[in-house]
């Protein structure tokens, strides 16, 4: 989320915004993956919705709007105090800086940012799941990767600056 919102969410710190974001993304994925009879028989949705898809979607949309709107407002306040886009501007700052015909209305901006959150999360989750499955199937690769991580990173978390020295990790991710 760093390049979209300009901040990283730490799962070990139980902040309210992160908790809400996690719940919203989880609910979104559950709704996308749920079997829905009305996908095949649209007229049936008026009579039969055992998974409460419509009701759950109607509850999810306002929550998404509130979360993303709050993030936009935070950026607007920050940008007003700075009077210019800084060198470390994120995607929200870029969207807010658009002028003229390119300027997005609030609904469009919320939709774009929600897509960035949801699709970005989906891609990372799928890649992580695939890599983990491959590592389970190949314990020798898992052991070598763990050895490289211990040697380069130690007990702290991996940061972007570590990546040039994690050649085996990069190879594993590319291979998957």
C-alpha atoms as a PDB file:
ATOM      1  CA  UNK A   1       0.000   0.000   0.000  1.00  0.00           C
ATOM      2  CA  UNK A   2       3.052   2.217   0.205  1.00  0.00           C
ATOM      3  CA  UNK A   3       2.943   3.429  -3.383  1.00  0.00           C
ATOM      4  CA  UNK A   4      -0.842   3.882  -3.369  1.00  0.00           C
ATOM      5  CA  UNK A   5      -1.464   5.534   0.013  1.00  0.00           C
ATOM      6  CA  UNK A   6       2.046   6.534   1.024  1.00  0.00           C
ATOM      7  CA  UNK A   7       2.055   4.321   4.101  1.00  0.00           C
ATOM      8  CA  UNK A   8       2.596   0.724   5.006  1.00  0.00           C
ATOM      9  CA  UNK A   9       0.234  -1.232   7.205  1.00  0.00           C
ATOM     10  CA  UNK A  10       1.925  -3.362   9.833  1.00  0.00           C
ATOM     11  CA  UNK A  11      -0.140  -6.461  10.675  1.00  0.00           C
ATOM     12  CA  UNK A  12       1.568  -6.695  14.080  1.00  0.00           C
ATOM     13  CA  UNK A  13       0.163  -3.292  15.057  1.00  0.00           C
ATOM     14  CA  UNK A  14      -3.595  -3.529  15.390  1.00  0.00           C
ATOM     15  CA  UNK A  15      -4.543  -0.100  14.067  1.00  0.00           C
ATOM     16  CA  UNK A  16      -8.206   0.625  13.371  1.00  0.00           C
ATOM     17  CA  UNK A  17      -7.629   1.591   9.728  1.00  0.00           C
ATOM     18  CA  UNK A  18      -5.693  -1.629   9.040  1.00  0.00           C
ATOM     19  CA  UNK A  19      -8.353  -3.742  10.775  1.00  0.00           C
ATOM     20  CA  UNK A  20     -11.126  -2.163   8.677  1.00  0.00           C
ATOM     21  CA  UNK A  21      -9.077  -2.512   5.476  1.00  0.00           C
ATOM     22  CA  UNK A  22      -8.417  -6.186   6.202  1.00  0.00           C
ATOM     23  CA  UNK A  23     -12.116  -6.862   6.904  1.00  0.00           C
ATOM     24  CA  UNK A  24     -13.209  -5.075   3.732  1.00  0.00           C
ATOM     25  CA  UNK A  25     -10.731  -6.922   1.510  1.00  0.00           C
ATOM     26  CA  UNK A  26     -11.661 -10.264   3.107  1.00  0.00           C
ATOM     27  CA  UNK A  27     -15.373  -9.624   2.566  1.00  0.00           C
ATOM     28  CA  UNK A  28     -14.715  -8.544  -1.029  1.00  0.00           C
ATOM     29  CA  UNK A  29     -12.830 -11.761  -1.787  1.00  0.00           C
ATOM     30  CA  UNK A  30     -15.524 -13.862  -0.129  1.00  0.00           C
ATOM     31  CA  UNK A  31     -18.197 -12.167  -2.238  1.00  0.00           C
ATOM     32  CA  UNK A  32     -16.205 -12.679  -5.436  1.00  0.00           C
ATOM     33  CA  UNK A  33     -15.642 -16.348  -4.654  1.00  0.00           C
ATOM     34  CA  UNK A  34     -19.145 -17.173  -3.447  1.00  0.00           C
ATOM     35  CA  UNK A  35     -21.364 -19.267  -5.671  1.00  0.00           C
ATOM     36  CA  UNK A  36     -24.236 -17.095  -6.798  1.00  0.00           C
ATOM     37  CA  UNK A  37     -27.210 -18.633  -8.592  1.00  0.00           C
ATOM     38  CA  UNK A  38     -28.154 -15.269 -10.061  1.00  0.00           C
ATOM     39  CA  UNK A  39     -24.914 -15.251 -12.086  1.00  0.00           C
ATOM     40  CA  UNK A  40     -26.550 -18.000 -14.155  1.00  0.00           C
ATOM     41  CA  UNK A  41     -30.224 -17.165 -13.645  1.00  0.00           C
ATOM     42  CA  UNK A  42     -30.434 -13.383 -13.042  1.00  0.00           C
ATOM     43  CA  UNK A  43     -34.190 -13.397 -12.428  1.00  0.00           C
ATOM     44  CA  UNK A  44     -33.640 -15.748  -9.472  1.00  0.00           C
ATOM     45  CA  UNK A  45     -31.907 -13.008  -7.423  1.00  0.00           C
ATOM     46  CA  UNK A  46     -35.312 -11.468  -6.631  1.00  0.00           C
ATOM     47  CA  UNK A  47     -36.485 -14.660  -4.923  1.00  0.00           C
ATOM     48  CA  UNK A  48     -33.453 -16.687  -3.860  1.00  0.00           C
ATOM     49  CA  UNK A  49     -30.170 -15.417  -2.407  1.00  0.00           C
ATOM     50  CA  UNK A  50     -29.020 -17.968   0.202  1.00  0.00           C
ATOM     51  CA  UNK A  51     -25.551 -16.394   0.535  1.00  0.00           C
ATOM     52  CA  UNK A  52     -27.060 -12.900   0.918  1.00  0.00           C
ATOM     53  CA  UNK A  53     -24.794 -11.615  -1.872  1.00  0.00           C
ATOM     54  CA  UNK A  54     -26.873  -8.509  -2.627  1.00  0.00           C
ATOM     55  CA  UNK A  55     -27.276  -7.620   1.041  1.00  0.00           C
ATOM     56  CA  UNK A  56     -23.555  -8.096   1.731  1.00  0.00           C
ATOM     57  CA  UNK A  57     -22.568  -5.998  -1.320  1.00  0.00           C
ATOM     58  CA  UNK A  58     -24.926  -3.226  -0.225  1.00  0.00           C
ATOM     59  CA  UNK A  59     -23.262  -3.259   3.209  1.00  0.00           C
ATOM     60  CA  UNK A  60     -19.721  -3.366   1.792  1.00  0.00           C
ATOM     61  CA  UNK A  61     -19.946  -0.401  -0.595  1.00  0.00           C
ATOM     62  CA  UNK A  62     -20.504   2.293   2.094  1.00  0.00           C
ATOM     63  CA  UNK A  63     -17.663   0.856   4.192  1.00  0.00           C
ATOM     64  CA  UNK A  64     -15.295   1.049   1.207  1.00  0.00           C
ATOM     65  CA  UNK A  65     -16.401   4.612   0.470  1.00  0.00           C
ATOM     66  CA  UNK A  66     -15.831   5.707   4.097  1.00  0.00           C
ATOM     67  CA  UNK A  67     -12.355   4.158   4.280  1.00  0.00           C
ATOM     68  CA  UNK A  68     -11.123   5.496   0.940  1.00  0.00           C
ATOM     69  CA  UNK A  69     -12.747   8.905   1.489  1.00  0.00           C
ATOM     70  CA  UNK A  70     -10.939   9.229   4.846  1.00  0.00           C
ATOM     71  CA  UNK A  71      -7.620   8.468   3.140  1.00  0.00           C
ATOM     72  CA  UNK A  72      -8.340  11.051   0.423  1.00  0.00           C
ATOM     73  CA  UNK A  73      -9.188  13.681   3.063  1.00  0.00           C
ATOM     74  CA  UNK A  74      -5.931  12.930   4.928  1.00  0.00           C
ATOM     75  CA  UNK A  75      -4.002  13.536   1.704  1.00  0.00           C
ATOM     76  CA  UNK A  76      -5.936  16.718   0.891  1.00  0.00           C
ATOM     77  CA  UNK A  77      -5.108  18.153   4.321  1.00  0.00           C
ATOM     78  CA  UNK A  78      -1.454  17.176   3.980  1.00  0.00           C
ATOM     79  CA  UNK A  79      -1.233  18.656   0.474  1.00  0.00           C
ATOM     80  CA  UNK A  80      -2.859  21.941   1.576  1.00  0.00           C
ATOM     81  CA  UNK A  81      -0.211  22.399   4.236  1.00  0.00           C
ATOM     82  CA  UNK A  82       2.632  21.635   1.799  1.00  0.00           C
ATOM     83  CA  UNK A  83       1.278  23.695  -1.160  1.00  0.00           C
ATOM     84  CA  UNK A  84       3.057  21.436  -3.667  1.00  0.00           C
ATOM     85  CA  UNK A  85       3.494  17.768  -4.481  1.00  0.00           C
ATOM     86  CA  UNK A  86       6.575  16.425  -2.752  1.00  0.00           C
ATOM     87  CA  UNK A  87       9.183  14.119  -4.251  1.00  0.00           C
ATOM     88  CA  UNK A  88       7.733  11.178  -2.330  1.00  0.00           C
ATOM     89  CA  UNK A  89       4.176  11.655  -3.614  1.00  0.00           C
ATOM     90  CA  UNK A  90       2.024   8.545  -3.787  1.00  0.00           C
ATOM     91  CA  UNK A  91      -0.801   7.542  -6.125  1.00  0.00           C
ATOM     92  CA  UNK A  92      -3.456   9.427  -4.127  1.00  0.00           C
ATOM     93  CA  UNK A  93      -1.378  12.615  -4.378  1.00  0.00           C
ATOM     94  CA  UNK A  94      -1.076  12.158  -8.139  1.00  0.00           C
ATOM     95  CA  UNK A  95      -4.848  11.683  -8.516  1.00  0.00           C
ATOM     96  CA  UNK A  96      -5.507  14.771  -6.403  1.00  0.00           C
ATOM     97  CA  UNK A  97      -3.100  16.847  -8.493  1.00  0.00           C
ATOM     98  CA  UNK A  98      -4.908  16.178 -11.788  1.00  0.00           C
ATOM     99  CA  UNK A  99      -6.406  19.301 -13.388  1.00  0.00           C
ATOM    100  CA  UNK A 100      -8.830  20.138 -16.180  1.00  0.00           C
ATOM    101  CA  UNK A 101     -10.267  17.268 -18.209  1.00  0.00           C
ATOM    102  CA  UNK A 102      -8.038  14.779 -16.395  1.00  0.00           C
ATOM    103  CA  UNK A 103      -9.424  15.648 -12.940  1.00  0.00           C
ATOM    104  CA  UNK A 104     -11.455  12.816 -11.421  1.00  0.00           C
ATOM    105  CA  UNK A 105     -14.624  13.331  -9.420  1.00  0.00           C
ATOM    106  CA  UNK A 106     -14.776  11.831  -5.941  1.00  0.00           C
ATOM    107  CA  UNK A 107     -16.722   8.702  -6.959  1.00  0.00           C
ATOM    108  CA  UNK A 108     -14.276   7.902  -9.760  1.00  0.00           C
ATOM    109  CA  UNK A 109     -11.299   8.479  -7.474  1.00  0.00           C
ATOM    110  CA  UNK A 110     -12.771   6.155  -4.844  1.00  0.00           C
ATOM    111  CA  UNK A 111     -13.391   3.492  -7.513  1.00  0.00           C
ATOM    112  CA  UNK A 112      -9.831   3.752  -8.867  1.00  0.00           C
ATOM    113  CA  UNK A 113      -8.284   3.570  -5.400  1.00  0.00           C
ATOM    114  CA  UNK A 114     -10.482   0.629  -4.379  1.00  0.00           C
ATOM    115  CA  UNK A 115      -9.382  -1.237  -7.507  1.00  0.00           C
ATOM    116  CA  UNK A 116      -5.752  -0.512  -6.639  1.00  0.00           C
ATOM    117  CA  UNK A 117      -6.262  -1.902  -3.120  1.00  0.00           C
ATOM    118  CA  UNK A 118      -8.280  -4.919  -4.148  1.00  0.00           C
ATOM    119  CA  UNK A 119      -6.365  -5.955  -7.251  1.00  0.00           C
ATOM    120  CA  UNK A 120      -3.003  -5.276  -5.670  1.00  0.00           C
ATOM    121  CA  UNK A 121      -3.927  -7.425  -2.686  1.00  0.00           C
ATOM    122  CA  UNK A 122      -5.252 -10.185  -4.923  1.00  0.00           C
ATOM    123  CA  UNK A 123      -2.062 -10.353  -7.003  1.00  0.00           C
ATOM    124  CA  UNK A 124       0.228 -10.429  -3.984  1.00  0.00           C
ATOM    125  CA  UNK A 125      -1.928 -13.022  -2.226  1.00  0.00           C
ATOM    126  CA  UNK A 126      -1.939 -15.319  -5.257  1.00  0.00           C
ATOM    127  CA  UNK A 127       1.812 -15.014  -5.771  1.00  0.00           C
ATOM    128  CA  UNK A 128       2.490 -15.665  -2.087  1.00  0.00           C
ATOM    129  CA  UNK A 129       0.189 -18.690  -2.046  1.00  0.00           C
ATOM    130  CA  UNK A 130       1.834 -20.134  -5.154  1.00  0.00           C
ATOM    131  CA  UNK A 131       5.385 -19.616  -3.846  1.00  0.00           C
ATOM    132  CA  UNK A 132       4.470 -21.183  -0.487  1.00  0.00           C
ATOM    133  CA  UNK A 133       2.930 -24.211  -2.202  1.00  0.00           C
ATOM    134  CA  UNK A 134       6.076 -24.697  -4.283  1.00  0.00           C
ATOM    135  CA  UNK A 135       8.291 -24.357  -1.205  1.00  0.00           C
ATOM    136  CA  UNK A 136       6.273 -27.033   0.603  1.00  0.00           C
ATOM    137  CA  UNK A 137       6.793 -29.354  -2.366  1.00  0.00           C
ATOM    138  CA  UNK A 138      10.541 -28.614  -2.472  1.00  0.00           C
ATOM    139  CA  UNK A 139      11.964 -28.619   1.081  1.00  0.00           C
ATOM    140  CA  UNK A 140      15.545 -28.374  -0.224  1.00  0.00           C
ATOM    141  CA  UNK A 141      14.715 -25.050  -1.915  1.00  0.00           C
ATOM    142  CA  UNK A 142      12.953 -23.915   1.251  1.00  0.00           C
ATOM    143  CA  UNK A 143      16.053 -24.744   3.348  1.00  0.00           C
ATOM    144  CA  UNK A 144      18.417 -22.913   0.984  1.00  0.00           C
ATOM    145  CA  UNK A 145      16.111 -19.886   0.895  1.00  0.00           C
ATOM    146  CA  UNK A 146      15.874 -19.821   4.686  1.00  0.00           C
ATOM    147  CA  UNK A 147      19.669 -19.997   4.911  1.00  0.00           C
ATOM    148  CA  UNK A 148      20.039 -17.007   2.547  1.00  0.00           C
ATOM    149  CA  UNK A 149      17.453 -14.993   4.490  1.00  0.00           C
ATOM    150  CA  UNK A 150      19.174 -15.731   7.812  1.00  0.00           C
ATOM    151  CA  UNK A 151      22.570 -14.727   6.386  1.00  0.00           C
ATOM    152  CA  UNK A 152      21.406 -11.479   4.765  1.00  0.00           C
ATOM    153  CA  UNK A 153      18.536 -10.325   6.965  1.00  0.00           C
ATOM    154  CA  UNK A 154      18.994 -12.061  10.292  1.00  0.00           C
ATOM    155  CA  UNK A 155      16.114 -11.649  12.733  1.00  0.00           C
ATOM    156  CA  UNK A 156      14.692  -8.390  11.379  1.00  0.00           C
ATOM    157  CA  UNK A 157      12.129  -8.022   8.594  1.00  0.00           C
ATOM    158  CA  UNK A 158      13.159  -7.867   4.943  1.00  0.00           C
ATOM    159  CA  UNK A 159      13.344  -4.349   3.478  1.00  0.00           C
ATOM    160  CA  UNK A 160      13.687  -3.167  -0.127  1.00  0.00           C
ATOM    161  CA  UNK A 161      17.376  -2.403   0.394  1.00  0.00           C
ATOM    162  CA  UNK A 162      18.004  -6.130   1.057  1.00  0.00           C
ATOM    163  CA  UNK A 163      16.730  -7.252  -2.346  1.00  0.00           C
ATOM    164  CA  UNK A 164      19.992  -6.849  -4.326  1.00  0.00           C
ATOM    165  CA  UNK A 165      21.659  -9.268  -1.884  1.00  0.00           C
ATOM    166  CA  UNK A 166      18.804 -11.815  -1.968  1.00  0.00           C
ATOM    167  CA  UNK A 167      19.563 -13.384  -5.343  1.00  0.00           C
ATOM    168  CA  UNK A 168      18.172 -16.826  -4.472  1.00  0.00           C
ATOM    169  CA  UNK A 169      14.891 -15.315  -3.248  1.00  0.00           C
ATOM    170  CA  UNK A 170      14.546 -13.366  -6.503  1.00  0.00           C
ATOM    171  CA  UNK A 171      15.242 -16.554  -8.482  1.00  0.00           C
ATOM    172  CA  UNK A 172      12.624 -18.519  -6.513  1.00  0.00           C
ATOM    173  CA  UNK A 173       9.962 -15.853  -7.068  1.00  0.00           C
ATOM    174  CA  UNK A 174      10.781 -15.636 -10.793  1.00  0.00           C
ATOM    175  CA  UNK A 175      10.695 -19.423 -11.122  1.00  0.00           C
ATOM    176  CA  UNK A 176       7.227 -19.658  -9.602  1.00  0.00           C
END
